[in-house]
Amino acid sequence: MSLADDLANKLAAKVIAHVEKTGDEDIIKIMSQSLGDSSQTLQEAFITSVRVQRAAIRADRQLKARIETYQKTDGPPDGVA
């Protein structure tokens, strides 16, 4: 992993935690613009990392909800194989 990817991943995780806590979605755009002013490479890595991490968070939540549903009903919901 490159230095830019490493830095972007760490920053993206902090920004996502802030968004989760506060609902401040604007911080993603603000940070992206700030990074882009100095390093387009870091900006692109940050944007990619935010997208990937948020997708993983959504998938994890969906999986947890599905597991809970199966545990409550002892099987898949009606009509779901």
PDB file of N, CA and C in Angstrom:
ATOM      1  N   MET A   1       0.849  -1.175   0.000  1.00  0.00           N
ATOM      2  CA  MET A   1       0.000   0.000   0.000  1.00  0.00           C
ATOM      3  C   MET A   1       0.900   1.245   0.000  1.00  0.00           C
ATOM      4  N   SER A   2       0.532   2.220  -0.798  1.00  0.00           N
ATOM      5  CA  SER A   2       1.339   3.429  -0.906  1.00  0.00           C
ATOM      6  C   SER A   2       1.118   4.339   0.297  1.00  0.00           C
ATOM      7  N   LEU A   3       2.001   5.277   0.462  1.00  0.00           N
ATOM      8  CA  LEU A   3       1.876   6.258   1.540  1.00  0.00           C
ATOM      9  C   LEU A   3       0.567   7.024   1.400  1.00  0.00           C
ATOM     10  N   ALA A   4       0.223   7.421   0.173  1.00  0.00           N
ATOM     11  CA  ALA A   4      -1.025   8.165  -0.055  1.00  0.00           C
ATOM     12  C   ALA A   4      -2.233   7.326   0.355  1.00  0.00           C
ATOM     13  N   ASP A   5      -2.235   6.053  -0.002  1.00  0.00           N
ATOM     14  CA  ASP A   5      -3.346   5.173   0.374  1.00  0.00           C
ATOM     15  C   ASP A   5      -3.441   5.024   1.885  1.00  0.00           C
ATOM     16  N   ASP A   6      -2.303   4.849   2.509  1.00  0.00           N
ATOM     17  CA  ASP A   6      -2.256   4.704   3.966  1.00  0.00           C
ATOM     18  C   ASP A   6      -2.819   5.946   4.663  1.00  0.00           C
ATOM     19  N   LEU A   7      -2.342   7.100   4.251  1.00  0.00           N
ATOM     20  CA  LEU A   7      -2.814   8.359   4.839  1.00  0.00           C
ATOM     21  C   LEU A   7      -4.296   8.579   4.554  1.00  0.00           C
ATOM     22  N   ALA A   8      -4.702   8.294   3.332  1.00  0.00           N
ATOM     23  CA  ALA A   8      -6.102   8.485   2.940  1.00  0.00           C
ATOM     24  C   ALA A   8      -7.025   7.571   3.734  1.00  0.00           C
ATOM     25  N   ASN A   9      -6.623   6.326   3.934  1.00  0.00           N
ATOM     26  CA  ASN A   9      -7.442   5.381   4.691  1.00  0.00           C
ATOM     27  C   ASN A   9      -7.633   5.835   6.133  1.00  0.00           C
ATOM     28  N   LYS A  10      -6.558   6.300   6.743  1.00  0.00           N
ATOM     29  CA  LYS A  10      -6.645   6.772   8.131  1.00  0.00           C
ATOM     30  C   LYS A  10      -7.527   8.013   8.232  1.00  0.00           C
ATOM     31  N   LEU A  11      -7.335   8.948   7.331  1.00  0.00           N
ATOM     32  CA  LEU A  11      -8.134  10.171   7.346  1.00  0.00           C
ATOM     33  C   LEU A  11      -9.599   9.864   7.050  1.00  0.00           C
ATOM     34  N   ALA A  12      -9.843   9.009   6.088  1.00  0.00           N
ATOM     35  CA  ALA A  12     -11.219   8.642   5.740  1.00  0.00           C
ATOM     36  C   ALA A  12     -11.925   8.002   6.928  1.00  0.00           C
ATOM     37  N   ALA A  13     -11.234   7.144   7.658  1.00  0.00           N
ATOM     38  CA  ALA A  13     -11.835   6.499   8.830  1.00  0.00           C
ATOM     39  C   ALA A  13     -12.225   7.540   9.875  1.00  0.00           C
ATOM     40  N   LYS A  14     -11.369   8.525  10.084  1.00  0.00           N
ATOM     41  CA  LYS A  14     -11.680   9.589  11.052  1.00  0.00           C
ATOM     42  C   LYS A  14     -12.865  10.429  10.587  1.00  0.00           C
ATOM     43  N   VAL A  15     -12.886  10.747   9.316  1.00  0.00           N
ATOM     44  CA  VAL A  15     -13.975  11.556   8.761  1.00  0.00           C
ATOM     45  C   VAL A  15     -15.298  10.784   8.835  1.00  0.00           C
ATOM     46  N   ILE A  16     -15.272   9.515   8.496  1.00  0.00           N
ATOM     47  CA  ILE A  16     -16.485   8.698   8.562  1.00  0.00           C
ATOM     48  C   ILE A  16     -16.985   8.606  10.001  1.00  0.00           C
ATOM     49  N   ALA A  17     -16.082   8.443  10.946  1.00  0.00           N
ATOM     50  CA  ALA A  17     -16.481   8.401  12.361  1.00  0.00           C
ATOM     51  C   ALA A  17     -17.155   9.712  12.755  1.00  0.00           C
ATOM     52  N   HIS A  18     -16.604  10.830  12.279  1.00  0.00           N
ATOM     53  CA  HIS A  18     -17.206  12.144  12.556  1.00  0.00           C
ATOM     54  C   HIS A  18     -18.608  12.233  11.952  1.00  0.00           C
ATOM     55  N   VAL A  19     -18.754  11.793  10.722  1.00  0.00           N
ATOM     56  CA  VAL A  19     -20.059  11.829  10.049  1.00  0.00           C
ATOM     57  C   VAL A  19     -21.063  10.950  10.791  1.00  0.00           C
ATOM     58  N   GLU A  20     -20.634   9.764  11.189  1.00  0.00           N
ATOM     59  CA  GLU A  20     -21.524   8.848  11.915  1.00  0.00           C
ATOM     60  C   GLU A  20     -21.999   9.479  13.225  1.00  0.00           C
ATOM     61  N   LYS A  21     -21.106  10.195  13.872  1.00  0.00           N
ATOM     62  CA  LYS A  21     -21.425  10.786  15.171  1.00  0.00           C
ATOM     63  C   LYS A  21     -22.276  12.044  15.046  1.00  0.00           C
ATOM     64  N   THR A  22     -22.018  12.851  14.008  1.00  0.00           N
ATOM     65  CA  THR A  22     -22.636  14.181  13.925  1.00  0.00           C
ATOM     66  C   THR A  22     -23.626  14.355  12.777  1.00  0.00           C
ATOM     67  N   GLY A  23     -23.542  13.505  11.767  1.00  0.00           N
ATOM     68  CA  GLY A  23     -24.377  13.686  10.583  1.00  0.00           C
ATOM     69  C   GLY A  23     -23.838  14.746   9.630  1.00  0.00           C
ATOM     70  N   ASP A  24     -22.641  15.234   9.874  1.00  0.00           N
ATOM     71  CA  ASP A  24     -22.012  16.301   9.091  1.00  0.00           C
ATOM     72  C   ASP A  24     -21.412  15.749   7.798  1.00  0.00           C
ATOM     73  N   GLU A  25     -22.262  15.510   6.798  1.00  0.00           N
ATOM     74  CA  GLU A  25     -21.817  14.966   5.510  1.00  0.00           C
ATOM     75  C   GLU A  25     -20.918  15.947   4.749  1.00  0.00           C
ATOM     76  N   ASP A  26     -21.063  17.232   5.009  1.00  0.00           N
ATOM     77  CA  ASP A  26     -20.281  18.244   4.293  1.00  0.00           C
ATOM     78  C   ASP A  26     -18.782  18.103   4.530  1.00  0.00           C
ATOM     79  N   ILE A  27     -18.393  17.511   5.649  1.00  0.00           N
ATOM     80  CA  ILE A  27     -16.972  17.398   5.967  1.00  0.00           C
ATOM     81  C   ILE A  27     -16.228  16.576   4.914  1.00  0.00           C
ATOM     82  N   ILE A  28     -16.916  15.639   4.289  1.00  0.00           N
ATOM     83  CA  ILE A  28     -16.259  14.821   3.259  1.00  0.00           C
ATOM     84  C   ILE A  28     -15.842  15.702   2.086  1.00  0.00           C
ATOM     85  N   LYS A  29     -16.747  16.545   1.622  1.00  0.00           N
ATOM     86  CA  LYS A  29     -16.436  17.444   0.507  1.00  0.00           C
ATOM     87  C   LYS A  29     -15.368  18.460   0.908  1.00  0.00           C
ATOM     88  N   ILE A  30     -15.484  18.987   2.123  1.00  0.00           N
ATOM     89  CA  ILE A  30     -14.506  19.975   2.607  1.00  0.00           C
ATOM     90  C   ILE A  30     -13.111  19.364   2.652  1.00  0.00           C
ATOM     91  N   MET A  31     -13.002  18.168   3.205  1.00  0.00           N
ATOM     92  CA  MET A  31     -11.697  17.510   3.297  1.00  0.00           C
ATOM     93  C   MET A  31     -11.165  17.168   1.910  1.00  0.00           C
ATOM     94  N   SER A  32     -12.040  16.717   1.028  1.00  0.00           N
ATOM     95  CA  SER A  32     -11.628  16.387  -0.331  1.00  0.00           C
ATOM     96  C   SER A  32     -11.061  17.610  -1.045  1.00  0.00           C
ATOM     97  N   GLN A  33     -11.751  18.731  -0.928  1.00  0.00           N
ATOM     98  CA  GLN A  33     -11.271  19.963  -1.563  1.00  0.00           C
ATOM     99  C   GLN A  33      -9.937  20.400  -0.968  1.00  0.00           C
ATOM    100  N   SER A  34      -9.827  20.305   0.338  1.00  0.00           N
ATOM    101  CA  SER A  34      -8.586  20.691   1.002  1.00  0.00           C
ATOM    102  C   SER A  34      -7.424  19.816   0.538  1.00  0.00           C
ATOM    103  N   LEU A  35      -7.661  18.522   0.448  1.00  0.00           N
ATOM    104  CA  LEU A  35      -6.615  17.615  -0.026  1.00  0.00           C
ATOM    105  C   LEU A  35      -6.265  17.898  -1.481  1.00  0.00           C
ATOM    106  N   GLY A  36      -7.281  18.145  -2.301  1.00  0.00           N
ATOM    107  CA  GLY A  36      -7.067  18.409  -3.720  1.00  0.00           C
ATOM    108  C   GLY A  36      -6.265  19.667  -3.980  1.00  0.00           C
ATOM    109  N   ASP A  37      -6.350  20.624  -3.064  1.00  0.00           N
ATOM    110  CA  ASP A  37      -5.559  21.852  -3.206  1.00  0.00           C
ATOM    111  C   ASP A  37      -4.065  21.574  -3.136  1.00  0.00           C
ATOM    112  N   SER A  38      -3.700  20.502  -2.441  1.00  0.00           N
ATOM    113  CA  SER A  38      -2.283  20.185  -2.264  1.00  0.00           C
ATOM    114  C   SER A  38      -1.837  18.948  -3.029  1.00  0.00           C
ATOM    115  N   SER A  39      -2.725  17.949  -3.103  1.00  0.00           N
ATOM    116  CA  SER A  39      -2.332  16.683  -3.715  1.00  0.00           C
ATOM    117  C   SER A  39      -3.534  15.984  -4.328  1.00  0.00           C
ATOM    118  N   GLN A  40      -3.580  15.980  -5.646  1.00  0.00           N
ATOM    119  CA  GLN A  40      -4.666  15.291  -6.334  1.00  0.00           C
ATOM    120  C   GLN A  40      -4.615  13.790  -6.057  1.00  0.00           C
ATOM    121  N   THR A  41      -3.425  13.249  -5.937  1.00  0.00           N
ATOM    122  CA  THR A  41      -3.263  11.821  -5.647  1.00  0.00           C
ATOM    123  C   THR A  41      -3.890  11.468  -4.308  1.00  0.00           C
ATOM    124  N   LEU A  42      -3.604  12.277  -3.291  1.00  0.00           N
ATOM    125  CA  LEU A  42      -4.165  12.028  -1.967  1.00  0.00           C
ATOM    126  C   LEU A  42      -5.676  12.247  -1.965  1.00  0.00           C
ATOM    127  N   GLN A  43      -6.138  13.244  -2.708  1.00  0.00           N
ATOM    128  CA  GLN A  43      -7.575  13.501  -2.810  1.00  0.00           C
ATOM    129  C   GLN A  43      -8.293  12.286  -3.401  1.00  0.00           C
ATOM    130  N   GLU A  44      -7.779  11.748  -4.486  1.00  0.00           N
ATOM    131  CA  GLU A  44      -8.408  10.596  -5.130  1.00  0.00           C
ATOM    132  C   GLU A  44      -8.391   9.372  -4.219  1.00  0.00           C
ATOM    133  N   ALA A  45      -7.283   9.171  -3.523  1.00  0.00           N
ATOM    134  CA  ALA A  45      -7.193   8.044  -2.596  1.00  0.00           C
ATOM    135  C   ALA A  45      -8.189   8.206  -1.447  1.00  0.00           C
ATOM    136  N   PHE A  46      -8.356   9.434  -0.967  1.00  0.00           N
ATOM    137  CA  PHE A  46      -9.307   9.720   0.113  1.00  0.00           C
ATOM    138  C   PHE A  46     -10.738   9.435  -0.337  1.00  0.00           C
ATOM    139  N   ILE A  47     -11.115   9.945  -1.493  1.00  0.00           N
ATOM    140  CA  ILE A  47     -12.476   9.742  -2.002  1.00  0.00           C
ATOM    141  C   ILE A  47     -12.759   8.247  -2.181  1.00  0.00           C
ATOM    142  N   THR A  48     -11.804   7.535  -2.752  1.00  0.00           N
ATOM    143  CA  THR A  48     -11.963   6.093  -2.935  1.00  0.00           C
ATOM    144  C   THR A  48     -12.106   5.391  -1.593  1.00  0.00           C
ATOM    145  N   SER A  49     -11.287   5.767  -0.641  1.00  0.00           N
ATOM    146  CA  SER A  49     -11.335   5.140   0.674  1.00  0.00           C
ATOM    147  C   SER A  49     -12.661   5.398   1.373  1.00  0.00           C
ATOM    148  N   VAL A  50     -13.173   6.616   1.272  1.00  0.00           N
ATOM    149  CA  VAL A  50     -14.474   6.925   1.876  1.00  0.00           C
ATOM    150  C   VAL A  50     -15.545   6.030   1.262  1.00  0.00           C
ATOM    151  N   ARG A  51     -15.548   5.918  -0.047  1.00  0.00           N
ATOM    152  CA  ARG A  51     -16.559   5.090  -0.727  1.00  0.00           C
ATOM    153  C   ARG A  51     -16.458   3.628  -0.308  1.00  0.00           C
ATOM    154  N   VAL A  52     -15.251   3.109  -0.298  1.00  0.00           N
ATOM    155  CA  VAL A  52     -15.045   1.699   0.032  1.00  0.00           C
ATOM    156  C   VAL A  52     -15.408   1.428   1.489  1.00  0.00           C
ATOM    157  N   GLN A  53     -14.949   2.281   2.388  1.00  0.00           N
ATOM    158  CA  GLN A  53     -15.242   2.064   3.805  1.00  0.00           C
ATOM    159  C   GLN A  53     -16.735   2.189   4.101  1.00  0.00           C
ATOM    160  N   ARG A  54     -17.389   3.158   3.480  1.00  0.00           N
ATOM    161  CA  ARG A  54     -18.833   3.315   3.707  1.00  0.00           C
ATOM    162  C   ARG A  54     -19.609   2.130   3.128  1.00  0.00           C
ATOM    163  N   ALA A  55     -19.169   1.624   1.997  1.00  0.00           N
ATOM    164  CA  ALA A  55     -19.814   0.438   1.423  1.00  0.00           C
ATOM    165  C   ALA A  55     -19.648  -0.757   2.363  1.00  0.00           C
ATOM    166  N   ALA A  56     -18.467  -0.905   2.930  1.00  0.00           N
ATOM    167  CA  ALA A  56     -18.221  -2.002   3.869  1.00  0.00           C
ATOM    168  C   ALA A  56     -19.073  -1.848   5.127  1.00  0.00           C
ATOM    169  N   ILE A  57     -19.224  -0.626   5.606  1.00  0.00           N
ATOM    170  CA  ILE A  57     -20.064  -0.369   6.784  1.00  0.00           C
ATOM    171  C   ILE A  57     -21.514  -0.736   6.483  1.00  0.00           C
ATOM    172  N   ARG A  58     -22.014  -0.305   5.321  1.00  0.00           N
ATOM    173  CA  ARG A  58     -23.396  -0.636   4.935  1.00  0.00           C
ATOM    174  C   ARG A  58     -23.589  -2.150   4.823  1.00  0.00           C
ATOM    175  N   ALA A  59     -22.641  -2.816   4.197  1.00  0.00           N
ATOM    176  CA  ALA A  59     -22.740  -4.270   4.036  1.00  0.00           C
ATOM    177  C   ALA A  59     -22.706  -4.967   5.393  1.00  0.00           C
ATOM    178  N   ASP A  60     -21.861  -4.505   6.283  1.00  0.00           N
ATOM    179  CA  ASP A  60     -21.773  -5.090   7.617  1.00  0.00           C
ATOM    180  C   ASP A  60     -23.086  -4.923   8.372  1.00  0.00           C
ATOM    181  N   ARG A  61     -23.679  -3.749   8.273  1.00  0.00           N
ATOM    182  CA  ARG A  61     -24.966  -3.508   8.940  1.00  0.00           C
ATOM    183  C   ARG A  61     -26.064  -4.386   8.350  1.00  0.00           C
ATOM    184  N   GLN A  62     -26.048  -4.529   7.036  1.00  0.00           N
ATOM    185  CA  GLN A  62     -27.045  -5.370   6.381  1.00  0.00           C
ATOM    186  C   GLN A  62     -26.886  -6.826   6.824  1.00  0.00           C
ATOM    187  N   LEU A  63     -25.654  -7.289   6.896  1.00  0.00           N
ATOM    188  CA  LEU A  63     -25.396  -8.655   7.333  1.00  0.00           C
ATOM    189  C   LEU A  63     -25.860  -8.862   8.771  1.00  0.00           C
ATOM    190  N   LYS A  64     -25.542  -7.914   9.646  1.00  0.00           N
ATOM    191  CA  LYS A  64     -25.970  -8.029  11.048  1.00  0.00           C
ATOM    192  C   LYS A  64     -27.489  -8.081  11.151  1.00  0.00           C
ATOM    193  N   ALA A  65     -28.177  -7.248  10.394  1.00  0.00           N
ATOM    194  CA  ALA A  65     -29.643  -7.243  10.415  1.00  0.00           C
ATOM    195  C   ALA A  65     -30.186  -8.577   9.911  1.00  0.00           C
ATOM    196  N   ARG A  66     -29.579  -9.097   8.889  1.00  0.00           N
ATOM    197  CA  ARG A  66     -30.028 -10.379   8.317  1.00  0.00           C
ATOM    198  C   ARG A  66     -29.815 -11.508   9.320  1.00  0.00           C
ATOM    199  N   ILE A  67     -28.679 -11.506   9.977  1.00  0.00           N
ATOM    200  CA  ILE A  67     -28.395 -12.527  10.988  1.00  0.00           C
ATOM    201  C   ILE A  67     -29.411 -12.444  12.120  1.00  0.00           C
ATOM    202  N   GLU A  68     -29.704 -11.231  12.574  1.00  0.00           N
ATOM    203  CA  GLU A  68     -30.699 -11.047  13.634  1.00  0.00           C
ATOM    204  C   GLU A  68     -32.066 -11.570  13.205  1.00  0.00           C
ATOM    205  N   THR A  69     -32.445 -11.304  11.963  1.00  0.00           N
ATOM    206  CA  THR A  69     -33.728 -11.789  11.450  1.00  0.00           C
ATOM    207  C   THR A  69     -33.768 -13.313  11.467  1.00  0.00           C
ATOM    208  N   TYR A  70     -32.705 -13.938  11.023  1.00  0.00           N
ATOM    209  CA  TYR A  70     -32.653 -15.401  11.005  1.00  0.00           C
ATOM    210  C   TYR A  70     -32.705 -15.966  12.416  1.00  0.00           C
ATOM    211  N   GLN A  71     -32.020 -15.315  13.342  1.00  0.00           N
ATOM    212  CA  GLN A  71     -32.005 -15.809  14.717  1.00  0.00           C
ATOM    213  C   GLN A  71     -33.380 -15.689  15.371  1.00  0.00           C
ATOM    214  N   LYS A  72     -34.112 -14.643  15.051  1.00  0.00           N
ATOM    215  CA  LYS A  72     -35.439 -14.433  15.639  1.00  0.00           C
ATOM    216  C   LYS A  72     -36.467 -15.407  15.089  1.00  0.00           C
ATOM    217  N   THR A  73     -36.328 -15.768  13.821  1.00  0.00           N
ATOM    218  CA  THR A  73     -37.346 -16.597  13.161  1.00  0.00           C
ATOM    219  C   THR A  73     -36.902 -18.040  12.957  1.00  0.00           C
ATOM    220  N   ASP A  74     -35.703 -18.368  13.375  1.00  0.00           N
ATOM    221  CA  ASP A  74     -35.152 -19.709  13.145  1.00  0.00           C
ATOM    222  C   ASP A  74     -35.147 -20.083  11.671  1.00  0.00           C
ATOM    223  N   GLY A  75     -34.859 -19.121  10.831  1.00  0.00           N
ATOM    224  CA  GLY A  75     -34.778 -19.388   9.401  1.00  0.00           C
ATOM    225  C   GLY A  75     -34.981 -18.128   8.607  1.00  0.00           C
ATOM    226  N   PRO A  76     -35.006 -18.260   7.281  1.00  0.00           N
ATOM    227  CA  PRO A  76     -35.161 -17.076   6.435  1.00  0.00           C
ATOM    228  C   PRO A  76     -36.561 -16.487   6.560  1.00  0.00           C
ATOM    229  N   PRO A  77     -36.685 -15.184   6.323  1.00  0.00           N
ATOM    230  CA  PRO A  77     -38.008 -14.560   6.319  1.00  0.00           C
ATOM    231  C   PRO A  77     -38.881 -15.185   5.233  1.00  0.00           C
ATOM    232  N   ASP A  78     -40.182 -15.076   5.368  1.00  0.00           N
ATOM    233  CA  ASP A  78     -41.110 -15.638   4.383  1.00  0.00           C
ATOM    234  C   ASP A  78     -40.775 -15.164   2.980  1.00  0.00           C
ATOM    235  N   GLY A  79     -40.755 -16.100   2.049  1.00  0.00           N
ATOM    236  CA  GLY A  79     -40.513 -15.766   0.656  1.00  0.00           C
ATOM    237  C   GLY A  79     -39.055 -15.557   0.304  1.00  0.00           C
ATOM    238  N   VAL A  80     -38.151 -15.769   1.254  1.00  0.00           N
ATOM    239  CA  VAL A  80     -36.727 -15.570   0.986  1.00  0.00           C
ATOM    240  C   VAL A  80     -36.037 -16.918   1.098  1.00  0.00           C
ATOM    241  N   ALA A  81     -35.275 -17.235   0.077  1.00  0.00           N
ATOM    242  CA  ALA A  81     -34.572 -18.523   0.079  1.00  0.00           C
ATOM    243  C   ALA A  81     -33.191 -18.366   0.648  1.00  0.00           C
TER     244      ALA A  81
END
